[in-house]
Amino acid sequence: MIGGTDIVIPNPGLPVAQAMDTVVRCARGRWAGAILQDSGGRRFRSYREVPFGRVRELFVYRDEQAFLSWERVGAKPENANSMIHLIADDYQLTVVVDDEHDATMRSLVSEARDLLRQLNAWRLRREAA
């Protein structure tokens, strides 16, 4: 079995939909063939189908092969770092990865954290103006 590491990214003011979309875009930048699935098991045929305004939990699989392997055997060592689990609420976004030290996972989380920080700062500047 493999375990997961929860990485919590503060999100003090962006709508959940925007925060989720940002992280999914980061993942898709690394995994062009990413497969998206909600917590109810609904698989989306394309990025455009994801109802970001209603979804608060998503699984992002690296590609079709990773999705099928997770469906077949679940959390086994051969599936490590081929999927991320996103959980959002109004104040934070949790990114669950298998190995936070893996280069791809570290890069993805770092980019997502930076983008969310920038978007929140931009939102605050705009509100203050």
Protein backbone atom coordinates (compact mmCIF):
# COMPACT_ATOMS: atom_id res chain seq x y z
CA MET A 1 0.00 0.00 0.00
CA ILE A 2 1.00 3.60 -0.51
CA GLY A 3 -0.05 6.43 1.74
CA GLY A 4 -0.85 10.01 1.01
CA THR A 5 0.44 13.32 2.24
CA ASP A 6 -2.01 16.16 2.75
CA ILE A 7 -0.62 19.51 1.68
CA VAL A 8 -2.84 22.36 2.78
CA ILE A 9 -2.73 25.56 0.73
CA PRO A 10 -4.45 28.55 2.32
CA ASN A 11 -7.15 30.15 0.21
CA PRO A 12 -8.56 33.02 2.22
CA GLY A 13 -10.74 34.59 -0.41
CA LEU A 14 -10.87 33.08 -3.87
CA PRO A 15 -14.03 31.25 -4.86
CA VAL A 16 -13.62 27.49 -4.51
CA ALA A 17 -14.22 27.09 -8.25
CA GLN A 18 -11.30 29.38 -9.11
CA ALA A 19 -8.96 27.68 -6.64
CA MET A 20 -9.83 24.19 -7.94
CA ASP A 21 -9.52 25.32 -11.55
CA THR A 22 -6.08 26.80 -10.85
CA VAL A 23 -4.71 23.57 -9.40
CA VAL A 24 -6.26 21.43 -12.15
CA ARG A 25 -4.60 23.68 -14.73
CA CYS A 26 -1.25 23.18 -12.96
CA ALA A 27 -1.73 19.40 -13.13
CA ARG A 28 -2.80 19.50 -16.78
CA GLY A 29 0.33 21.51 -17.57
CA ARG A 30 2.34 18.47 -16.55
CA TRP A 31 -0.14 15.77 -17.54
CA ALA A 32 -1.65 16.73 -20.90
CA GLY A 33 -3.75 13.55 -20.91
CA ALA A 34 -5.09 14.03 -17.38
CA ILE A 35 -8.34 12.29 -16.48
CA LEU A 36 -10.67 14.07 -14.03
CA GLN A 37 -13.14 12.35 -11.71
CA ASP A 38 -15.30 13.72 -8.91
CA SER A 39 -15.72 12.12 -5.49
CA GLY A 40 -18.96 10.49 -6.65
CA GLY A 41 -17.10 8.56 -9.33
CA ARG A 42 -18.23 10.70 -12.28
CA ARG A 43 -15.53 10.83 -14.89
CA PHE A 44 -15.39 13.92 -17.07
CA ARG A 45 -14.67 13.47 -20.78
CA SER A 46 -13.01 16.86 -20.95
CA TYR A 47 -11.78 19.69 -18.76
CA ARG A 48 -14.68 21.86 -19.96
CA GLU A 49 -17.22 19.40 -18.51
CA VAL A 50 -16.04 19.83 -14.92
CA PRO A 51 -18.62 21.85 -12.96
CA PHE A 52 -16.03 23.78 -10.96
CA GLY A 53 -18.74 25.83 -9.28
CA ARG A 54 -20.23 22.71 -7.68
CA VAL A 55 -17.30 20.30 -7.30
CA ARG A 56 -15.32 20.50 -4.09
CA GLU A 57 -13.40 17.27 -4.50
CA LEU A 58 -11.58 15.96 -7.57
CA PHE A 59 -9.19 13.21 -8.50
CA VAL A 60 -6.72 14.11 -11.24
CA TYR A 61 -5.09 11.07 -12.85
CA ARG A 62 -1.95 11.42 -14.96
CA ASP A 63 -3.55 9.70 -17.97
CA GLU A 64 -5.94 6.96 -19.06
CA GLN A 65 -3.50 4.21 -18.05
CA ALA A 66 -3.15 5.65 -14.53
CA PHE A 67 -6.92 6.00 -14.20
CA LEU A 68 -7.48 2.38 -15.22
CA SER A 69 -4.74 1.15 -12.91
CA TRP A 70 -6.22 3.03 -9.94
CA GLU A 71 -9.63 1.58 -10.81
CA ARG A 72 -8.15 -1.93 -11.05
CA VAL A 73 -5.73 -2.13 -8.09
CA GLY A 74 -6.12 1.10 -6.09
CA ALA A 75 -3.41 2.50 -3.85
CA LYS A 76 -0.56 0.17 -4.75
CA PRO A 77 3.12 1.14 -5.17
CA GLU A 78 2.87 0.97 -8.96
CA ASN A 79 0.34 3.82 -8.85
CA ALA A 80 2.42 6.17 -6.72
CA ASN A 81 2.41 9.78 -7.95
CA SER A 82 0.08 9.09 -10.86
CA MET A 83 -2.91 10.82 -9.25
CA ILE A 84 -3.60 13.80 -7.02
CA HIS A 85 -6.67 14.25 -4.86
CA LEU A 86 -8.00 17.79 -4.41
CA ILE A 87 -10.31 18.80 -1.57
CA ALA A 88 -11.50 22.40 -1.33
CA ASP A 89 -13.41 24.46 1.17
CA ASP A 90 -13.90 28.19 1.52
CA TYR A 91 -10.57 28.77 3.27
CA GLN A 92 -8.11 26.21 1.98
CA LEU A 93 -7.33 23.69 -0.69
CA THR A 94 -5.88 20.34 0.29
CA VAL A 95 -3.74 18.56 -2.27
CA VAL A 96 -3.15 14.91 -1.45
CA VAL A 97 -0.10 13.35 -3.09
CA ASP A 98 1.72 10.08 -2.56
CA ASP A 99 5.21 11.50 -2.18
CA GLU A 100 5.57 15.21 -1.58
CA HIS A 101 9.29 14.93 -2.36
CA ASP A 102 8.72 13.58 -5.89
CA ALA A 103 9.91 16.24 -8.35
CA THR A 104 6.63 16.41 -10.28
CA MET A 105 4.50 16.58 -7.13
CA ARG A 106 6.78 19.17 -5.53
CA SER A 107 6.72 21.32 -8.68
CA LEU A 108 2.94 21.03 -9.07
CA VAL A 109 2.22 21.96 -5.45
CA SER A 110 4.73 24.81 -5.51
CA GLU A 111 3.21 26.29 -8.66
CA ALA A 112 -0.33 25.91 -7.30
CA ARG A 113 0.63 27.55 -4.01
CA ASP A 114 2.33 30.45 -5.80
CA LEU A 115 -0.58 31.01 -8.18
CA LEU A 116 -3.19 30.94 -5.41
CA ARG A 117 -1.11 33.38 -3.37
CA GLN A 118 -0.81 35.71 -6.37
CA LEU A 119 -4.51 35.49 -7.20
CA ASN A 120 -5.48 36.21 -3.59
CA ALA A 121 -3.09 39.20 -3.48
CA TRP A 122 -4.51 40.52 -6.76
CA ARG A 123 -8.06 40.12 -5.39
CA LEU A 124 -7.14 42.05 -2.22
CA ARG A 125 -5.51 44.88 -4.21
CA ARG A 126 -8.55 45.14 -6.45
CA GLU A 127 -10.93 45.24 -3.47
CA ALA A 128 -8.83 47.93 -1.78
CA ALA A 129 -8.85 50.15 -4.87
